[in-house]
Amino acid sequence: TFDKPPNPRNREIVNRRASTKPTD
């Protein structure tokens, strides 16, 4: 979805490796 308004973010945060394990 694209419902939430965009927020400024740091490029390093965007490129940070993270887990995509679902919680549901």
mmCIF file of all heavy atoms, coordinates in Angstrom:
data_MODEL
# 
_entry.id   MODEL 
# 
loop_
_atom_site.group_PDB 
_atom_site.id 
_atom_site.type_symbol 
_atom_site.label_atom_id 
_atom_site.label_alt_id 
_atom_site.label_comp_id 
_atom_site.label_asym_id 
_atom_site.label_entity_id 
_atom_site.label_seq_id 
_atom_site.pdbx_PDB_ins_code 
_atom_site.Cartn_x 
_atom_site.Cartn_y 
_atom_site.Cartn_z 
_atom_site.occupancy 
_atom_site.B_iso_or_equiv 
_atom_site.pdbx_formal_charge 
_atom_site.auth_seq_id 
_atom_site.auth_comp_id 
_atom_site.auth_asym_id 
_atom_site.auth_atom_id 
_atom_site.pdbx_PDB_model_num 
ATOM 1   N N   . THR A 1 1  ? 0.829  -1.204  0.000  1.00 0.00 ? 1  THR A N   1 
ATOM 2   C CA  . THR A 1 1  ? 0.000  0.000   0.000  1.00 0.00 ? 1  THR A CA  1 
ATOM 3   C C   . THR A 1 1  ? 0.863  1.253   0.000  1.00 0.00 ? 1  THR A C   1 
ATOM 4   O O   . THR A 1 1  ? 2.056  1.226   0.354  1.00 0.00 ? 1  THR A O   1 
ATOM 5   C CB  . THR A 1 1  ? -0.914 0.019   1.235  1.00 0.00 ? 1  THR A CB  1 
ATOM 6   O OG1 . THR A 1 1  ? -0.109 0.044   2.418  1.00 0.00 ? 1  THR A OG1 1 
ATOM 7   C CG2 . THR A 1 1  ? -1.806 -1.224  1.257  1.00 0.00 ? 1  THR A CG2 1 
ATOM 8   N N   . PHE A 1 2  ? 0.242  2.382   -0.397 1.00 0.00 ? 2  PHE A N   1 
ATOM 9   C CA  . PHE A 1 2  ? 0.924  3.677   -0.438 1.00 0.00 ? 2  PHE A CA  1 
ATOM 10  C C   . PHE A 1 2  ? 0.050  4.735   0.237  1.00 0.00 ? 2  PHE A C   1 
ATOM 11  O O   . PHE A 1 2  ? -0.135 5.841   -0.262 1.00 0.00 ? 2  PHE A O   1 
ATOM 12  C CB  . PHE A 1 2  ? 1.217  4.079   -1.892 1.00 0.00 ? 2  PHE A CB  1 
ATOM 13  C CG  . PHE A 1 2  ? 2.138  3.149   -2.603 1.00 0.00 ? 2  PHE A CG  1 
ATOM 14  C CD1 . PHE A 1 2  ? 1.655  1.973   -3.172 1.00 0.00 ? 2  PHE A CD1 1 
ATOM 15  C CD2 . PHE A 1 2  ? 3.476  3.418   -2.694 1.00 0.00 ? 2  PHE A CD2 1 
ATOM 16  C CE1 . PHE A 1 2  ? 2.502  1.108   -3.829 1.00 0.00 ? 2  PHE A CE1 1 
ATOM 17  C CE2 . PHE A 1 2  ? 4.338  2.559   -3.362 1.00 0.00 ? 2  PHE A CE2 1 
ATOM 18  C CZ  . PHE A 1 2  ? 3.847  1.388   -3.918 1.00 0.00 ? 2  PHE A CZ  1 
ATOM 19  N N   . ASP A 1 3  ? -0.530 4.370   1.386  1.00 0.00 ? 3  ASP A N   1 
ATOM 20  C CA  . ASP A 1 3  ? -1.494 5.239   2.056  1.00 0.00 ? 3  ASP A CA  1 
ATOM 21  C C   . ASP A 1 3  ? -0.835 6.285   2.954  1.00 0.00 ? 3  ASP A C   1 
ATOM 22  O O   . ASP A 1 3  ? -1.328 7.403   3.088  1.00 0.00 ? 3  ASP A O   1 
ATOM 23  C CB  . ASP A 1 3  ? -2.469 4.401   2.885  1.00 0.00 ? 3  ASP A CB  1 
ATOM 24  C CG  . ASP A 1 3  ? -3.259 3.433   2.009  1.00 0.00 ? 3  ASP A CG  1 
ATOM 25  O OD1 . ASP A 1 3  ? -3.480 3.775   0.836  1.00 0.00 ? 3  ASP A OD1 1 
ATOM 26  O OD2 . ASP A 1 3  ? -3.649 2.355   2.519  1.00 0.00 ? 3  ASP A OD2 1 
ATOM 27  N N   . LYS A 1 4  ? 0.285  5.923   3.569  1.00 0.00 ? 4  LYS A N   1 
ATOM 28  C CA  . LYS A 1 4  ? 0.916  6.849   4.510  1.00 0.00 ? 4  LYS A CA  1 
ATOM 29  C C   . LYS A 1 4  ? 1.683  7.932   3.747  1.00 0.00 ? 4  LYS A C   1 
ATOM 30  O O   . LYS A 1 4  ? 2.290  7.651   2.710  1.00 0.00 ? 4  LYS A O   1 
ATOM 31  C CB  . LYS A 1 4  ? 1.860  6.092   5.443  1.00 0.00 ? 4  LYS A CB  1 
ATOM 32  C CG  . LYS A 1 4  ? 1.148  5.071   6.321  1.00 0.00 ? 4  LYS A CG  1 
ATOM 33  C CD  . LYS A 1 4  ? 2.142  4.353   7.221  1.00 0.00 ? 4  LYS A CD  1 
ATOM 34  C CE  . LYS A 1 4  ? 1.415  3.326   8.085  1.00 0.00 ? 4  LYS A CE  1 
ATOM 35  N NZ  . LYS A 1 4  ? 2.354  2.580   8.965  1.00 0.00 ? 4  LYS A NZ  1 
ATOM 36  N N   . PRO A 1 5  ? 1.698  9.151   4.245  1.00 0.00 ? 5  PRO A N   1 
ATOM 37  C CA  . PRO A 1 5  ? 2.441  10.226  3.569  1.00 0.00 ? 5  PRO A CA  1 
ATOM 38  C C   . PRO A 1 5  ? 3.936  9.976   3.646  1.00 0.00 ? 5  PRO A C   1 
ATOM 39  O O   . PRO A 1 5  ? 4.427  9.349   4.587  1.00 0.00 ? 5  PRO A O   1 
ATOM 40  C CB  . PRO A 1 5  ? 2.036  11.474  4.359  1.00 0.00 ? 5  PRO A CB  1 
ATOM 41  C CG  . PRO A 1 5  ? 1.660  10.966  5.710  1.00 0.00 ? 5  PRO A CG  1 
ATOM 42  C CD  . PRO A 1 5  ? 1.026  9.622   5.469  1.00 0.00 ? 5  PRO A CD  1 
ATOM 43  N N   . PRO A 1 6  ? 4.686  10.427  2.640  1.00 0.00 ? 6  PRO A N   1 
ATOM 44  C CA  . PRO A 1 6  ? 6.140  10.202  2.650  1.00 0.00 ? 6  PRO A CA  1 
ATOM 45  C C   . PRO A 1 6  ? 6.819  10.974  3.764  1.00 0.00 ? 6  PRO A C   1 
ATOM 46  O O   . PRO A 1 6  ? 6.408  12.074  4.130  1.00 0.00 ? 6  PRO A O   1 
ATOM 47  C CB  . PRO A 1 6  ? 6.560  10.697  1.267  1.00 0.00 ? 6  PRO A CB  1 
ATOM 48  C CG  . PRO A 1 6  ? 5.521  11.698  0.884  1.00 0.00 ? 6  PRO A CG  1 
ATOM 49  C CD  . PRO A 1 6  ? 4.233  11.203  1.481  1.00 0.00 ? 6  PRO A CD  1 
ATOM 50  N N   . ASN A 1 7  ? 7.866  10.387  4.312  1.00 0.00 ? 7  ASN A N   1 
ATOM 51  C CA  . ASN A 1 7  ? 8.672  11.032  5.343  1.00 0.00 ? 7  ASN A CA  1 
ATOM 52  C C   . ASN A 1 7  ? 10.107 11.115  4.860  1.00 0.00 ? 7  ASN A C   1 
ATOM 53  O O   . ASN A 1 7  ? 10.584 10.228  4.128  1.00 0.00 ? 7  ASN A O   1 
ATOM 54  C CB  . ASN A 1 7  ? 8.632  10.248  6.656  1.00 0.00 ? 7  ASN A CB  1 
ATOM 55  C CG  . ASN A 1 7  ? 7.239  10.221  7.255  1.00 0.00 ? 7  ASN A CG  1 
ATOM 56  O OD1 . ASN A 1 7  ? 6.528  11.213  7.226  1.00 0.00 ? 7  ASN A OD1 1 
ATOM 57  N ND2 . ASN A 1 7  ? 6.861  9.069   7.797  1.00 0.00 ? 7  ASN A ND2 1 
ATOM 58  N N   . PRO A 1 8  ? 10.817 12.154  5.235  1.00 0.00 ? 8  PRO A N   1 
ATOM 59  C CA  . PRO A 1 8  ? 12.239 12.234  4.861  1.00 0.00 ? 8  PRO A CA  1 
ATOM 60  C C   . PRO A 1 8  ? 13.000 11.107  5.532  1.00 0.00 ? 8  PRO A C   1 
ATOM 61  O O   . PRO A 1 8  ? 12.708 10.709  6.644  1.00 0.00 ? 8  PRO A O   1 
ATOM 62  C CB  . PRO A 1 8  ? 12.672 13.601  5.393  1.00 0.00 ? 8  PRO A CB  1 
ATOM 63  C CG  . PRO A 1 8  ? 11.684 13.924  6.472  1.00 0.00 ? 8  PRO A CG  1 
ATOM 64  C CD  . PRO A 1 8  ? 10.386 13.321  6.043  1.00 0.00 ? 8  PRO A CD  1 
ATOM 65  N N   . ARG A 1 9  ? 13.949 10.615  4.840  1.00 0.00 ? 9  ARG A N   1 
ATOM 66  C CA  . ARG A 1 9  ? 14.737 9.511   5.390  1.00 0.00 ? 9  ARG A CA  1 
ATOM 67  C C   . ARG A 1 9  ? 16.191 9.641   4.949  1.00 0.00 ? 9  ARG A C   1 
ATOM 68  O O   . ARG A 1 9  ? 16.506 10.273  3.945  1.00 0.00 ? 9  ARG A O   1 
ATOM 69  C CB  . ARG A 1 9  ? 14.184 8.166   4.945  1.00 0.00 ? 9  ARG A CB  1 
ATOM 70  C CG  . ARG A 1 9  ? 14.217 7.990   3.446  1.00 0.00 ? 9  ARG A CG  1 
ATOM 71  C CD  . ARG A 1 9  ? 13.575 6.680   3.035  1.00 0.00 ? 9  ARG A CD  1 
ATOM 72  N NE  . ARG A 1 9  ? 12.185 6.632   3.421  1.00 0.00 ? 9  ARG A NE  1 
ATOM 73  C CZ  . ARG A 1 9  ? 11.202 7.226   2.728  1.00 0.00 ? 9  ARG A CZ  1 
ATOM 74  N NH1 . ARG A 1 9  ? 11.480 7.918   1.645  1.00 0.00 ? 9  ARG A NH1 1 
ATOM 75  N NH2 . ARG A 1 9  ? 9.948  7.145   3.124  1.00 0.00 ? 9  ARG A NH2 1 
ATOM 76  N N   . ASN A 1 10 ? 17.051 9.032   5.676  1.00 0.00 ? 10 ASN A N   1 
ATOM 77  C CA  . ASN A 1 10 ? 18.466 9.019   5.367  1.00 0.00 ? 10 ASN A CA  1 
ATOM 78  C C   . ASN A 1 10 ? 18.762 7.880   4.410  1.00 0.00 ? 10 ASN A C   1 
ATOM 79  O O   . ASN A 1 10 ? 18.247 6.785   4.562  1.00 0.00 ? 10 ASN A O   1 
ATOM 80  C CB  . ASN A 1 10 ? 19.260 8.839   6.667  1.00 0.00 ? 10 ASN A CB  1 
ATOM 81  C CG  . ASN A 1 10 ? 20.755 8.941   6.446  1.00 0.00 ? 10 ASN A CG  1 
ATOM 82  O OD1 . ASN A 1 10 ? 21.342 8.039   5.891  1.00 0.00 ? 10 ASN A OD1 1 
ATOM 83  N ND2 . ASN A 1 10 ? 21.345 10.053  6.890  1.00 0.00 ? 10 ASN A ND2 1 
ATOM 84  N N   . ARG A 1 11 ? 19.587 8.124   3.373  1.00 0.00 ? 11 ARG A N   1 
ATOM 85  C CA  . ARG A 1 11 ? 19.876 7.091   2.378  1.00 0.00 ? 11 ARG A CA  1 
ATOM 86  C C   . ARG A 1 11 ? 20.529 5.879   3.002  1.00 0.00 ? 11 ARG A C   1 
ATOM 87  O O   . ARG A 1 11 ? 20.302 4.746   2.608  1.00 0.00 ? 11 ARG A O   1 
ATOM 88  C CB  . ARG A 1 11 ? 20.767 7.673   1.278  1.00 0.00 ? 11 ARG A CB  1 
ATOM 89  C CG  . ARG A 1 11 ? 21.173 6.644   0.227  1.00 0.00 ? 11 ARG A CG  1 
ATOM 90  C CD  . ARG A 1 11 ? 21.896 7.271   -0.941 1.00 0.00 ? 11 ARG A CD  1 
ATOM 91  N NE  . ARG A 1 11 ? 21.049 8.248   -1.611 1.00 0.00 ? 11 ARG A NE  1 
ATOM 92  C CZ  . ARG A 1 11 ? 21.450 9.001   -2.643 1.00 0.00 ? 11 ARG A CZ  1 
ATOM 93  N NH1 . ARG A 1 11 ? 22.679 8.900   -3.088 1.00 0.00 ? 11 ARG A NH1 1 
ATOM 94  N NH2 . ARG A 1 11 ? 20.619 9.849   -3.179 1.00 0.00 ? 11 ARG A NH2 1 
ATOM 95  N N   . GLU A 1 12 ? 21.391 6.105   4.031  1.00 0.00 ? 12 GLU A N   1 
ATOM 96  C CA  . GLU A 1 12 ? 22.025 4.965   4.685  1.00 0.00 ? 12 GLU A CA  1 
ATOM 97  C C   . GLU A 1 12 ? 20.997 4.092   5.381  1.00 0.00 ? 12 GLU A C   1 
ATOM 98  O O   . GLU A 1 12 ? 21.117 2.866   5.396  1.00 0.00 ? 12 GLU A O   1 
ATOM 99  C CB  . GLU A 1 12 ? 23.062 5.450   5.700  1.00 0.00 ? 12 GLU A CB  1 
ATOM 100 C CG  . GLU A 1 12 ? 24.262 6.114   5.052  1.00 0.00 ? 12 GLU A CG  1 
ATOM 101 C CD  . GLU A 1 12 ? 25.262 6.567   6.087  1.00 0.00 ? 12 GLU A CD  1 
ATOM 102 O OE1 . GLU A 1 12 ? 25.005 6.286   7.287  1.00 0.00 ? 12 GLU A OE1 1 
ATOM 103 O OE2 . GLU A 1 12 ? 26.264 7.151   5.728  1.00 0.00 ? 12 GLU A OE2 1 
ATOM 104 N N   . ILE A 1 13 ? 19.962 4.729   5.950  1.00 0.00 ? 13 ILE A N   1 
ATOM 105 C CA  . ILE A 1 13 ? 18.921 3.945   6.607  1.00 0.00 ? 13 ILE A CA  1 
ATOM 106 C C   . ILE A 1 13 ? 18.147 3.134   5.582  1.00 0.00 ? 13 ILE A C   1 
ATOM 107 O O   . ILE A 1 13 ? 17.811 1.977   5.795  1.00 0.00 ? 13 ILE A O   1 
ATOM 108 C CB  . ILE A 1 13 ? 17.982 4.866   7.394  1.00 0.00 ? 13 ILE A CB  1 
ATOM 109 C CG1 . ILE A 1 13 ? 18.753 5.572   8.510  1.00 0.00 ? 13 ILE A CG1 1 
ATOM 110 C CG2 . ILE A 1 13 ? 16.807 4.082   7.960  1.00 0.00 ? 13 ILE A CG2 1 
ATOM 111 C CD1 . ILE A 1 13 ? 17.903 6.552   9.302  1.00 0.00 ? 13 ILE A CD1 1 
ATOM 112 N N   . VAL A 1 14 ? 17.884 3.761   4.423  1.00 0.00 ? 14 VAL A N   1 
ATOM 113 C CA  . VAL A 1 14 ? 17.134 3.074   3.386  1.00 0.00 ? 14 VAL A CA  1 
ATOM 114 C C   . VAL A 1 14 ? 17.874 1.846   2.902  1.00 0.00 ? 14 VAL A C   1 
ATOM 115 O O   . VAL A 1 14 ? 17.280 0.787   2.639  1.00 0.00 ? 14 VAL A O   1 
ATOM 116 C CB  . VAL A 1 14 ? 16.859 4.031   2.194  1.00 0.00 ? 14 VAL A CB  1 
ATOM 117 C CG1 . VAL A 1 14 ? 16.238 3.268   1.038  1.00 0.00 ? 14 VAL A CG1 1 
ATOM 118 C CG2 . VAL A 1 14 ? 15.974 5.164   2.635  1.00 0.00 ? 14 VAL A CG2 1 
ATOM 119 N N   . ASN A 1 15 ? 19.216 1.983   2.785  1.00 0.00 ? 15 ASN A N   1 
ATOM 120 C CA  . ASN A 1 15 ? 20.005 0.884   2.240  1.00 0.00 ? 15 ASN A CA  1 
ATOM 121 C C   . ASN A 1 15 ? 20.440 -0.126  3.290  1.00 0.00 ? 15 ASN A C   1 
ATOM 122 O O   . ASN A 1 15 ? 21.139 -1.081  2.983  1.00 0.00 ? 15 ASN A O   1 
ATOM 123 C CB  . ASN A 1 15 ? 21.255 1.436   1.538  1.00 0.00 ? 15 ASN A CB  1 
ATOM 124 C CG  . ASN A 1 15 ? 20.899 2.215   0.281  1.00 0.00 ? 15 ASN A CG  1 
ATOM 125 O OD1 . ASN A 1 15 ? 19.858 1.969   -0.328 1.00 0.00 ? 15 ASN A OD1 1 
ATOM 126 N ND2 . ASN A 1 15 ? 21.757 3.166   -0.105 1.00 0.00 ? 15 ASN A ND2 1 
ATOM 127 N N   . ARG A 1 16 ? 20.052 0.117   4.542  1.00 0.00 ? 16 ARG A N   1 
ATOM 128 C CA  . ARG A 1 16 ? 20.471 -0.791  5.611  1.00 0.00 ? 16 ARG A CA  1 
ATOM 129 C C   . ARG A 1 16 ? 19.827 -2.154  5.419  1.00 0.00 ? 16 ARG A C   1 
ATOM 130 O O   . ARG A 1 16 ? 18.656 -2.263  5.109  1.00 0.00 ? 16 ARG A O   1 
ATOM 131 C CB  . ARG A 1 16 ? 20.062 -0.231  6.968  1.00 0.00 ? 16 ARG A CB  1 
ATOM 132 C CG  . ARG A 1 16 ? 20.526 -1.101  8.130  1.00 0.00 ? 16 ARG A CG  1 
ATOM 133 C CD  . ARG A 1 16 ? 20.062 -0.467  9.421  1.00 0.00 ? 16 ARG A CD  1 
ATOM 134 N NE  . ARG A 1 16 ? 20.622 0.885   9.545  1.00 0.00 ? 16 ARG A NE  1 
ATOM 135 C CZ  . ARG A 1 16 ? 20.164 1.801   10.394 1.00 0.00 ? 16 ARG A CZ  1 
ATOM 136 N NH1 . ARG A 1 16 ? 19.141 1.537   11.172 1.00 0.00 ? 16 ARG A NH1 1 
ATOM 137 N NH2 . ARG A 1 16 ? 20.721 3.008   10.453 1.00 0.00 ? 16 ARG A NH2 1 
ATOM 138 N N   . ARG A 1 17 ? 20.616 -3.176  5.610  1.00 0.00 ? 17 ARG A N   1 
ATOM 139 C CA  . ARG A 1 17 ? 20.089 -4.542  5.509  1.00 0.00 ? 17 ARG A CA  1 
ATOM 140 C C   . ARG A 1 17 ? 19.179 -4.843  6.692  1.00 0.00 ? 17 ARG A C   1 
ATOM 141 O O   . ARG A 1 17 ? 19.545 -4.572  7.819  1.00 0.00 ? 17 ARG A O   1 
ATOM 142 C CB  . ARG A 1 17 ? 21.250 -5.531  5.494  1.00 0.00 ? 17 ARG A CB  1 
ATOM 143 C CG  . ARG A 1 17 ? 20.829 -6.947  5.162  1.00 0.00 ? 17 ARG A CG  1 
ATOM 144 C CD  . ARG A 1 17 ? 22.066 -7.795  5.028  1.00 0.00 ? 17 ARG A CD  1 
ATOM 145 N NE  . ARG A 1 17 ? 21.721 -9.123  4.584  1.00 0.00 ? 17 ARG A NE  1 
ATOM 146 C CZ  . ARG A 1 17 ? 22.387 -9.780  3.658  1.00 0.00 ? 17 ARG A CZ  1 
ATOM 147 N NH1 . ARG A 1 17 ? 23.389 -9.223  3.056  1.00 0.00 ? 17 ARG A NH1 1 
ATOM 148 N NH2 . ARG A 1 17 ? 22.042 -11.000 3.327  1.00 0.00 ? 17 ARG A NH2 1 
ATOM 149 N N   . ALA A 1 18 ? 17.984 -5.363  6.414  1.00 0.00 ? 18 ALA A N   1 
ATOM 150 C CA  . ALA A 1 18 ? 17.023 -5.640  7.476  1.00 0.00 ? 18 ALA A CA  1 
ATOM 151 C C   . ALA A 1 18 ? 16.293 -6.925  7.188  1.00 0.00 ? 18 ALA A C   1 
ATOM 152 O O   . ALA A 1 18 ? 16.274 -7.403  6.060  1.00 0.00 ? 18 ALA A O   1 
ATOM 153 C CB  . ALA A 1 18 ? 16.035 -4.483  7.614  1.00 0.00 ? 18 ALA A CB  1 
ATOM 154 N N   . SER A 1 19 ? 15.719 -7.430  8.240  1.00 0.00 ? 19 SER A N   1 
ATOM 155 C CA  . SER A 1 19 ? 14.967 -8.676  8.088  1.00 0.00 ? 19 SER A CA  1 
ATOM 156 C C   . SER A 1 19 ? 13.578 -8.384  7.566  1.00 0.00 ? 19 SER A C   1 
ATOM 157 O O   . SER A 1 19 ? 12.964 -7.393  7.914  1.00 0.00 ? 19 SER A O   1 
ATOM 158 C CB  . SER A 1 19 ? 14.860 -9.408  9.430  1.00 0.00 ? 19 SER A CB  1 
ATOM 159 O OG  . SER A 1 19 ? 13.980 -10.492 9.300  1.00 0.00 ? 19 SER A OG  1 
ATOM 160 N N   . THR A 1 20 ? 13.066 -9.266  6.725  1.00 0.00 ? 20 THR A N   1 
ATOM 161 C CA  . THR A 1 20 ? 11.705 -9.137  6.197  1.00 0.00 ? 20 THR A CA  1 
ATOM 162 C C   . THR A 1 20 ? 10.814 -10.237 6.722  1.00 0.00 ? 20 THR A C   1 
ATOM 163 O O   . THR A 1 20 ? 9.790  -10.539 6.140  1.00 0.00 ? 20 THR A O   1 
ATOM 164 C CB  . THR A 1 20 ? 11.715 -9.203  4.657  1.00 0.00 ? 20 THR A CB  1 
ATOM 165 O OG1 . THR A 1 20 ? 12.270 -10.442 4.261  1.00 0.00 ? 20 THR A OG1 1 
ATOM 166 C CG2 . THR A 1 20 ? 12.487 -8.052  4.075  1.00 0.00 ? 20 THR A CG2 1 
ATOM 167 N N   . LYS A 1 21 ? 11.187 -10.839 7.839  1.00 0.00 ? 21 LYS A N   1 
ATOM 168 C CA  . LYS A 1 21 ? 10.354 -11.907 8.393  1.00 0.00 ? 21 LYS A CA  1 
ATOM 169 C C   . LYS A 1 21 ? 9.000  -11.355 8.802  1.00 0.00 ? 21 LYS A C   1 
ATOM 170 O O   . LYS A 1 21 ? 8.909  -10.434 9.601  1.00 0.00 ? 21 LYS A O   1 
ATOM 171 C CB  . LYS A 1 21 ? 11.032 -12.533 9.619  1.00 0.00 ? 21 LYS A CB  1 
ATOM 172 C CG  . LYS A 1 21 ? 10.210 -13.655 10.233 1.00 0.00 ? 21 LYS A CG  1 
ATOM 173 C CD  . LYS A 1 21 ? 10.927 -14.231 11.434 1.00 0.00 ? 21 LYS A CD  1 
ATOM 174 C CE  . LYS A 1 21 ? 10.112 -15.328 12.078 1.00 0.00 ? 21 LYS A CE  1 
ATOM 175 N NZ  . LYS A 1 21 ? 10.773 -15.888 13.270 1.00 0.00 ? 21 LYS A NZ  1 
ATOM 176 N N   . PRO A 1 22 ? 7.892  -11.890 8.270  1.00 0.00 ? 22 PRO A N   1 
ATOM 177 C CA  . PRO A 1 22 ? 6.575  -11.342 8.599  1.00 0.00 ? 22 PRO A CA  1 
ATOM 178 C C   . PRO A 1 22 ? 6.189  -11.661 10.038 1.00 0.00 ? 22 PRO A C   1 
ATOM 179 O O   . PRO A 1 22 ? 6.592  -12.660 10.601 1.00 0.00 ? 22 PRO A O   1 
ATOM 180 C CB  . PRO A 1 22 ? 5.651  -12.051 7.613  1.00 0.00 ? 22 PRO A CB  1 
ATOM 181 C CG  . PRO A 1 22 ? 6.355  -13.325 7.295  1.00 0.00 ? 22 PRO A CG  1 
ATOM 182 C CD  . PRO A 1 22 ? 7.812  -12.999 7.333  1.00 0.00 ? 22 PRO A CD  1 
ATOM 183 N N   . THR A 1 23 ? 5.403  -10.768 10.610 1.00 0.00 ? 23 THR A N   1 
ATOM 184 C CA  . THR A 1 23 ? 4.936  -10.997 11.971 1.00 0.00 ? 23 THR A CA  1 
ATOM 185 C C   . THR A 1 23 ? 3.558  -11.614 12.003 1.00 0.00 ? 23 THR A C   1 
ATOM 186 O O   . THR A 1 23 ? 3.101  -12.047 13.039 1.00 0.00 ? 23 THR A O   1 
ATOM 187 C CB  . THR A 1 23 ? 4.899  -9.672  12.742 1.00 0.00 ? 23 THR A CB  1 
ATOM 188 O OG1 . THR A 1 23 ? 4.056  -8.755  12.041 1.00 0.00 ? 23 THR A OG1 1 
ATOM 189 C CG2 . THR A 1 23 ? 6.294  -9.081  12.868 1.00 0.00 ? 23 THR A CG2 1 
ATOM 190 N N   . ASP A 1 24 ? 2.867  -11.633 10.882 1.00 0.00 ? 24 ASP A N   1 
ATOM 191 C CA  . ASP A 1 24 ? 1.529  -12.225 10.830 1.00 0.00 ? 24 ASP A CA  1 
ATOM 192 C C   . ASP A 1 24 ? 1.641  -13.659 10.349 1.00 0.00 ? 24 ASP A C   1 
ATOM 193 O O   . ASP A 1 24 ? 1.976  -13.909 9.207  1.00 0.00 ? 24 ASP A O   1 
ATOM 194 C CB  . ASP A 1 24 ? 0.650  -11.417 9.869  1.00 0.00 ? 24 ASP A CB  1 
ATOM 195 C CG  . ASP A 1 24 ? -0.749 -12.000 9.773  1.00 0.00 ? 24 ASP A CG  1 
ATOM 196 O OD1 . ASP A 1 24 ? -1.059 -12.884 10.590 1.00 0.00 ? 24 ASP A OD1 1 
ATOM 197 O OD2 . ASP A 1 24 ? -1.503 -11.573 8.883  1.00 0.00 ? 24 ASP A OD2 1 
# 
